[in-house]
Amino acid sequence: MKAILVKQPGGPEQLILGEHEQPLPDPNELLVKVHATALNRADTLQRQGKYPPPKGASPILGLEVAGEVVEAGINCTKYKKGDKVFGLLPGGGYAEYAVIDEAMAMPVPENLSMEQAAAIPEVFLTAWQALAWLGKLQTGERALIHAGASGVGTAAIQLARALQAEVLVTASEQKIQACLELGAHKAINYKEVPFEDEVLAHTNSEGVDVIVDFIAGPYFNQNLDCLRLDGRLVILASLGGGKVGEVDLRKILSKRLQVIGSTLRSRSKDYQIRLTEDMSRFALPLFREGKLKPVVDSVYDWKDVAEAHRYMEQNRNIGKIVLRVG
């Protein structure tokens, strides 16, 4: 089959369209003809040789796909040949064909295109894990979402609103309006002012209940100050650096704070299946009703994958960058 390959670890120019052995589905897997996949930060890190795939996963980039079932394993009962599905993968999405555990596959809502469906799995599952499972966000609480215009950020804004929480975000000036249009109640230009000041002013010094953070080091102390009593800080990445200078740990004690770190790709298959099932029950009806929507920044032909990677690394996108396969 055709697939996007990495000639050697390095920049986007190392991505080429080549040939790779087609995967075979095991008894619990579906073989999917891929119509679309989407970019994730993990793809750019793996391309550079900094983020190897989990043991047993495909070496091909790509953590999510949308496509059509062409073969179902002998133990599969939920989907059959011709069904349109989408879902999260441990790898292998940048290819003509991919295999997915049947329990990880979700039906493509009829009102969504393949490109839109491919933009859902990684960001909405990551956001659901952060808000509902780890952050335990409740109706009436407040959530602060950093990088609000990122793929996970745009998903988290919508999910937090669907959970009936008040949503604050940080974003650069050119991305603030997009966050407000998605439902954020307050959008803060983190480049202009310390976000802590804006959060506390907006909340009458009460702070927020849950923070979803991708920046880590530079934001850590401000995050602690922004959390109210029993607040939860969920750290999903360390894009700003992994080290902090001085921290007053008494803030964590006195406010009974929880600091939680997590990734999704390294989680067990059982965990990912349970997360997929839980998110599906909540979110799929809302996608069908148009109350949730995948945010697609741009769609590239997969032959232009290097250009798509460059665009992501320039941090210009609002929402997901999608590759049309085939």
Protein backbone atom coordinates (compact mmCIF):
# COMPACT_ATOMS: atom_id res chain seq x y z
CA MET A 1 0.00 0.00 0.00
CA LYS A 2 0.99 3.65 -0.24
CA ALA A 3 1.98 5.40 2.97
CA ILE A 4 3.82 8.47 4.20
CA LEU A 5 7.27 7.37 5.36
CA VAL A 6 10.05 9.12 7.28
CA LYS A 7 13.32 8.76 5.36
CA GLN A 8 15.33 9.57 8.47
CA PRO A 9 14.61 11.56 11.64
CA GLY A 10 14.50 15.27 10.90
CA GLY A 11 12.43 18.06 9.40
CA PRO A 12 9.28 17.95 7.28
CA GLU A 13 11.40 17.38 4.16
CA GLN A 14 12.04 13.84 5.44
CA LEU A 15 8.40 12.87 4.77
CA ILE A 16 7.86 11.01 1.49
CA LEU A 17 5.02 9.11 -0.14
CA GLY A 18 6.27 5.54 -0.49
CA GLU A 19 5.31 1.88 -0.20
CA HIS A 20 4.74 -0.09 3.00
CA GLU A 21 3.36 -3.51 3.79
CA GLN A 22 -0.42 -3.47 4.22
CA PRO A 23 -1.53 -4.37 7.77
CA LEU A 24 -3.62 -7.46 8.46
CA PRO A 25 -6.48 -7.24 10.96
CA ASP A 26 -6.39 -9.60 13.93
CA PRO A 27 -9.67 -11.25 15.05
CA ASN A 28 -10.76 -8.13 17.00
CA GLU A 29 -9.69 -5.53 14.43
CA LEU A 30 -11.14 -3.78 11.41
CA LEU A 31 -9.16 -3.11 8.25
CA VAL A 32 -10.09 0.39 7.17
CA LYS A 33 -9.59 2.08 3.79
CA VAL A 34 -8.40 5.44 5.03
CA HIS A 35 -10.08 8.50 3.53
CA ALA A 36 -8.65 11.09 5.93
CA THR A 37 -6.25 11.42 8.85
CA ALA A 38 -5.19 14.40 10.92
CA LEU A 39 -1.99 15.92 12.28
CA ASN A 40 -0.98 15.89 15.92
CA ARG A 41 2.04 17.31 17.77
CA ALA A 42 3.08 13.73 18.42
CA ASP A 43 3.50 13.24 14.66
CA THR A 44 6.02 16.07 14.41
CA LEU A 45 7.94 14.76 17.43
CA GLN A 46 7.95 11.20 16.07
CA ARG A 47 9.17 12.50 12.71
CA GLN A 48 12.11 14.10 14.55
CA GLY A 49 12.89 10.84 16.35
CA LYS A 50 11.83 12.26 19.74
CA TYR A 51 8.63 10.26 20.32
CA PRO A 52 8.87 6.59 19.37
CA PRO A 53 5.57 4.72 18.86
CA PRO A 54 4.38 2.40 21.64
CA LYS A 55 5.58 -1.21 21.54
CA GLY A 56 3.74 -3.14 18.84
CA ALA A 57 2.30 -0.04 17.14
CA SER A 58 2.76 0.77 13.47
CA PRO A 59 5.91 2.83 12.76
CA ILE A 60 3.84 4.93 10.34
CA LEU A 61 2.74 8.35 11.63
CA GLY A 62 -0.91 9.12 12.28
CA LEU A 63 -3.00 8.73 15.43
CA GLU A 64 -6.50 8.98 13.97
CA VAL A 65 -8.39 8.02 10.84
CA ALA A 66 -11.77 8.15 9.18
CA GLY A 67 -12.61 5.68 6.44
CA GLU A 68 -14.53 2.66 5.26
CA VAL A 69 -14.35 -0.87 6.64
CA VAL A 70 -13.01 -3.28 3.97
CA GLU A 71 -12.53 -6.31 6.22
CA ALA A 72 -13.65 -7.25 9.73
CA GLY A 73 -11.85 -9.73 11.97
CA ILE A 74 -13.66 -12.96 12.81
CA ASN A 75 -14.55 -11.76 16.33
CA CYS A 76 -15.98 -8.44 15.12
CA THR A 77 -19.75 -8.04 15.45
CA LYS A 78 -20.39 -4.30 15.57
CA TYR A 79 -19.18 -3.25 12.10
CA LYS A 80 -19.16 -4.87 8.67
CA LYS A 81 -17.66 -4.21 5.27
CA GLY A 82 -18.80 -0.86 3.89
CA ASP A 83 -19.44 0.81 7.26
CA LYS A 84 -17.95 4.26 7.75
CA VAL A 85 -15.93 4.55 10.94
CA PHE A 86 -13.43 6.83 12.66
CA GLY A 87 -11.24 6.47 15.69
CA LEU A 88 -7.97 6.73 17.57
CA LEU A 89 -4.90 4.67 16.63
CA PRO A 90 -1.54 4.01 18.31
CA GLY A 91 -0.04 4.77 14.87
CA GLY A 92 -0.48 4.01 11.17
CA GLY A 93 -2.92 6.70 10.06
CA TYR A 94 -0.82 8.22 7.25
CA ALA A 95 -1.54 5.25 4.96
CA GLU A 96 -4.02 3.86 2.45
CA TYR A 97 -5.09 1.19 4.94
CA ALA A 98 -5.01 1.01 8.74
CA VAL A 99 -6.23 -1.43 11.38
CA ILE A 100 -8.25 -0.38 14.41
CA ASP A 101 -9.58 -2.38 17.32
CA GLU A 102 -13.33 -2.65 16.75
CA ALA A 103 -14.00 -1.35 20.25
CA MET A 104 -12.04 1.82 19.43
CA ALA A 105 -14.02 2.53 16.25
CA MET A 106 -16.95 4.95 16.21
CA PRO A 107 -19.59 5.35 13.49
CA VAL A 108 -19.17 8.46 11.33
CA PRO A 109 -22.21 10.71 11.92
CA GLU A 110 -24.14 11.15 8.68
CA ASN A 111 -23.91 14.94 8.90
CA LEU A 112 -20.08 14.90 8.94
CA SER A 113 -17.58 14.44 6.12
CA MET A 114 -14.65 12.05 6.41
CA GLU A 115 -12.32 15.03 6.85
CA GLN A 116 -14.44 16.32 9.72
CA ALA A 117 -14.63 12.90 11.35
CA ALA A 118 -10.85 12.49 11.17
CA ALA A 119 -10.51 15.73 13.14
CA ILE A 120 -12.38 14.36 16.17
CA PRO A 121 -10.73 11.34 17.85
CA GLU A 122 -7.45 12.51 19.35
CA VAL A 123 -8.52 15.97 20.44
CA PHE A 124 -11.98 15.14 21.76
CA LEU A 125 -10.78 12.02 23.58
CA THR A 126 -7.86 13.95 25.08
CA ALA A 127 -10.15 16.81 26.11
CA TRP A 128 -12.76 14.42 27.56
CA GLN A 129 -10.07 12.60 29.53
CA ALA A 130 -8.74 15.91 30.89
CA LEU A 131 -12.08 17.50 31.76
CA ALA A 132 -14.39 14.65 32.69
CA TRP A 133 -12.13 11.82 33.85
CA LEU A 134 -9.16 13.61 35.43
CA GLY A 135 -10.51 17.09 36.10
CA LYS A 136 -13.96 15.80 37.13
CA LEU A 137 -15.51 19.04 35.86
CA GLN A 138 -19.03 19.55 37.21
CA THR A 139 -22.01 21.62 36.12
CA GLY A 140 -21.62 25.20 37.30
CA GLU A 141 -17.84 24.99 37.79
CA ARG A 142 -15.24 27.04 35.94
CA ALA A 143 -12.57 25.73 33.60
CA LEU A 144 -9.48 27.52 32.30
CA ILE A 145 -8.20 26.05 29.03
CA HIS A 146 -4.77 27.10 27.83
CA ALA A 147 -4.01 27.13 24.08
CA GLY A 148 -7.72 27.57 23.48
CA ALA A 149 -7.42 27.62 19.68
CA SER A 150 -5.38 24.40 19.47
CA GLY A 151 -7.00 21.15 18.44
CA VAL A 152 -7.49 19.96 22.02
CA GLY A 153 -8.35 23.49 23.10
CA THR A 154 -11.20 23.88 20.60
CA ALA A 155 -12.55 20.48 21.65
CA ALA A 156 -12.23 21.30 25.36
CA ILE A 157 -14.10 24.60 24.99
CA GLN A 158 -17.05 22.80 23.45
CA LEU A 159 -17.05 19.88 25.87
CA ALA A 160 -16.79 22.16 28.90
CA ARG A 161 -19.75 24.17 27.60
CA ALA A 162 -21.68 20.94 27.02
CA LEU A 163 -20.94 20.03 30.66
CA GLN A 164 -22.47 23.40 31.56
CA ALA A 165 -19.31 24.90 32.95
CA GLU A 166 -18.05 28.47 32.58
CA VAL A 167 -15.10 28.52 30.18
CA LEU A 168 -12.04 30.77 30.24
CA VAL A 169 -9.22 30.39 27.72
CA THR A 170 -5.84 31.81 26.86
CA ALA A 171 -4.92 32.44 23.23
CA SER A 172 -2.97 34.83 21.04
CA GLU A 173 -4.75 37.94 19.78
CA GLN A 174 -5.52 36.59 16.31
CA LYS A 175 -7.15 33.47 17.78
CA ILE A 176 -9.28 35.02 20.52
CA GLN A 177 -12.38 35.60 18.39
CA ALA A 178 -12.42 31.95 17.28
CA CYS A 179 -12.42 30.84 20.92
CA LEU A 180 -15.31 33.17 21.77
CA GLU A 181 -17.29 31.91 18.79
CA LEU A 182 -16.83 28.33 20.04
CA GLY A 183 -18.40 29.29 23.35
CA ALA A 184 -15.66 30.59 25.64
CA HIS A 185 -17.03 33.11 28.12
CA LYS A 186 -13.69 34.86 28.54
CA ALA A 187 -10.64 34.83 26.25
CA ILE A 188 -7.33 36.21 27.50
CA ASN A 189 -4.45 37.36 25.32
CA TYR A 190 -1.62 35.76 27.26
CA LYS A 191 0.96 37.84 25.40
CA GLU A 192 -0.40 41.14 26.71
CA VAL A 193 -1.02 40.52 30.41
CA PRO A 194 -0.37 37.83 33.02
CA PHE A 195 -3.33 35.51 32.56
CA GLU A 196 -3.56 35.13 36.35
CA ASP A 197 -4.61 38.79 36.69
CA GLU A 198 -7.36 38.44 34.10
CA VAL A 199 -8.67 35.17 35.51
CA LEU A 200 -8.90 36.53 39.06
CA ALA A 201 -10.47 39.80 37.87
CA HIS A 202 -13.09 37.94 35.83
CA THR A 203 -13.96 35.58 38.71
CA ASN A 204 -13.97 38.21 41.51
CA SER A 205 -10.77 36.66 42.87
CA GLU A 206 -12.46 33.26 43.27
CA GLY A 207 -10.45 31.46 40.58
CA VAL A 208 -11.34 28.36 38.58
CA ASP A 209 -12.00 24.72 39.42
CA VAL A 210 -10.15 22.97 36.59
CA ILE A 211 -7.20 24.01 34.42
CA VAL A 212 -6.15 22.15 31.27
CA ASP A 213 -2.55 23.07 30.51
CA PHE A 214 -0.09 22.24 27.73
CA ILE A 215 2.62 24.80 28.62
CA ALA A 216 3.76 23.48 32.04
CA GLY A 217 6.87 25.18 33.49
CA PRO A 218 6.27 28.88 32.77
CA TYR A 219 2.60 28.63 33.75
CA PHE A 220 2.87 26.50 36.89
CA ASN A 221 2.87 29.20 39.56
CA GLN A 222 0.18 31.25 37.85
CA ASN A 223 -1.92 28.11 37.51
CA LEU A 224 -1.69 27.45 41.25
CA ASP A 225 -2.77 31.02 41.95
CA CYS A 226 -5.72 30.71 39.56
CA LEU A 227 -7.17 27.60 41.19
CA ARG A 228 -9.80 27.87 43.87
CA LEU A 229 -10.26 25.54 46.83
CA ASP A 230 -10.13 21.86 45.75
CA GLY A 231 -9.01 22.89 42.26
CA ARG A 232 -7.54 20.44 39.74
CA LEU A 233 -4.63 21.19 37.42
CA VAL A 234 -4.34 18.75 34.49
CA ILE A 235 -1.02 18.99 32.62
CA LEU A 236 -1.02 17.34 29.18
CA ALA A 237 2.25 18.64 27.68
CA SER A 238 5.28 20.80 28.46
CA LEU A 239 5.51 22.97 25.36
CA GLY A 240 6.95 25.85 27.39
CA GLY A 241 9.48 23.71 29.24
CA GLY A 242 9.41 21.07 31.94
CA LYS A 243 11.16 22.85 34.80
CA VAL A 244 9.97 25.36 37.40
CA GLY A 245 12.04 27.64 39.61
CA GLU A 246 10.65 28.31 43.06
CA VAL A 247 7.23 26.94 43.98
CA ASP A 248 5.36 27.60 47.19
CA LEU A 249 3.99 24.12 47.89
CA ARG A 250 1.89 25.53 50.71
CA LYS A 251 -0.57 26.73 48.07
CA ILE A 252 -1.22 23.12 47.10
CA LEU A 253 -1.76 22.21 50.76
CA SER A 254 -3.86 25.17 51.83
CA LYS A 255 -6.16 25.03 48.80
CA ARG A 256 -6.22 21.20 48.69
CA LEU A 257 -5.15 21.27 45.05
CA GLN A 258 -4.59 18.28 42.78
CA VAL A 259 -1.83 18.39 40.15
CA ILE A 260 -2.36 15.66 37.56
CA GLY A 261 -0.16 14.76 34.61
CA SER A 262 -1.32 12.55 31.78
CA THR A 263 -0.78 11.38 28.24
CA LEU A 264 -3.18 9.31 26.14
CA ARG A 265 -1.05 7.45 23.60
CA SER A 266 0.82 5.49 26.27
CA ARG A 267 -2.37 4.38 28.04
CA SER A 268 -3.42 0.74 27.87
CA LYS A 269 -5.80 -0.39 25.13
CA ASP A 270 -8.41 -1.20 27.78
CA TYR A 271 -8.22 2.36 29.13
CA GLN A 272 -8.51 3.85 25.64
CA ILE A 273 -11.50 1.61 24.85
CA ARG A 274 -13.32 2.65 28.03
CA LEU A 275 -12.54 6.32 27.32
CA THR A 276 -13.79 5.98 23.73
CA GLU A 277 -17.02 4.32 24.86
CA ASP A 278 -17.63 6.97 27.52
CA MET A 279 -16.90 9.91 25.25
CA SER A 280 -19.02 8.36 22.48
CA ARG A 281 -22.07 8.05 24.73
CA PHE A 282 -21.82 11.72 25.67
CA ALA A 283 -20.58 13.33 22.48
CA LEU A 284 -21.82 11.40 19.42
CA PRO A 285 -25.46 12.47 19.87
CA LEU A 286 -24.25 16.08 20.19
CA PHE A 287 -22.21 15.78 16.98
CA ARG A 288 -25.29 14.45 15.17
CA GLU A 289 -27.34 17.37 16.49
CA GLY A 290 -24.66 19.89 15.52
CA LYS A 291 -24.16 20.95 19.15
CA LEU A 292 -20.54 19.79 18.97
CA LYS A 293 -18.45 20.26 15.87
CA PRO A 294 -14.96 19.29 14.76
CA VAL A 295 -12.92 22.41 14.08
CA VAL A 296 -10.99 21.92 10.83
CA ASP A 297 -8.42 24.62 10.13
CA SER A 298 -7.27 23.26 6.76
CA VAL A 299 -7.26 20.17 4.57
CA TYR A 300 -4.13 19.11 2.67
CA ASP A 301 -3.69 16.39 0.09
CA TRP A 302 -1.45 13.82 1.72
CA LYS A 303 1.14 14.39 -1.02
CA ASP A 304 1.60 17.81 0.62
CA VAL A 305 2.21 16.36 4.08
CA ALA A 306 5.54 18.19 4.49
CA GLU A 307 3.81 21.52 3.92
CA ALA A 308 1.12 20.54 6.46
CA HIS A 309 3.79 19.72 9.06
CA ARG A 310 5.52 23.05 8.47
CA TYR A 311 2.21 24.85 8.92
CA MET A 312 1.58 23.08 12.24
CA GLU A 313 5.07 23.88 13.49
CA GLN A 314 4.47 27.56 12.73
CA ASN A 315 1.56 27.39 15.22
CA ARG A 316 -0.77 29.15 12.80
CA ASN A 317 -3.70 26.74 12.88
CA ILE A 318 -7.01 27.15 14.69
CA GLY A 319 -8.28 23.63 15.21
CA LYS A 320 -7.18 20.58 13.27
CA ILE A 321 -5.02 20.14 10.17
CA VAL A 322 -6.38 17.24 8.12
CA LEU A 323 -4.80 15.11 5.39
CA ARG A 324 -7.00 13.77 2.60
CA VAL A 325 -5.65 10.30 1.78
CA GLY A 326 -5.64 8.61 -1.62
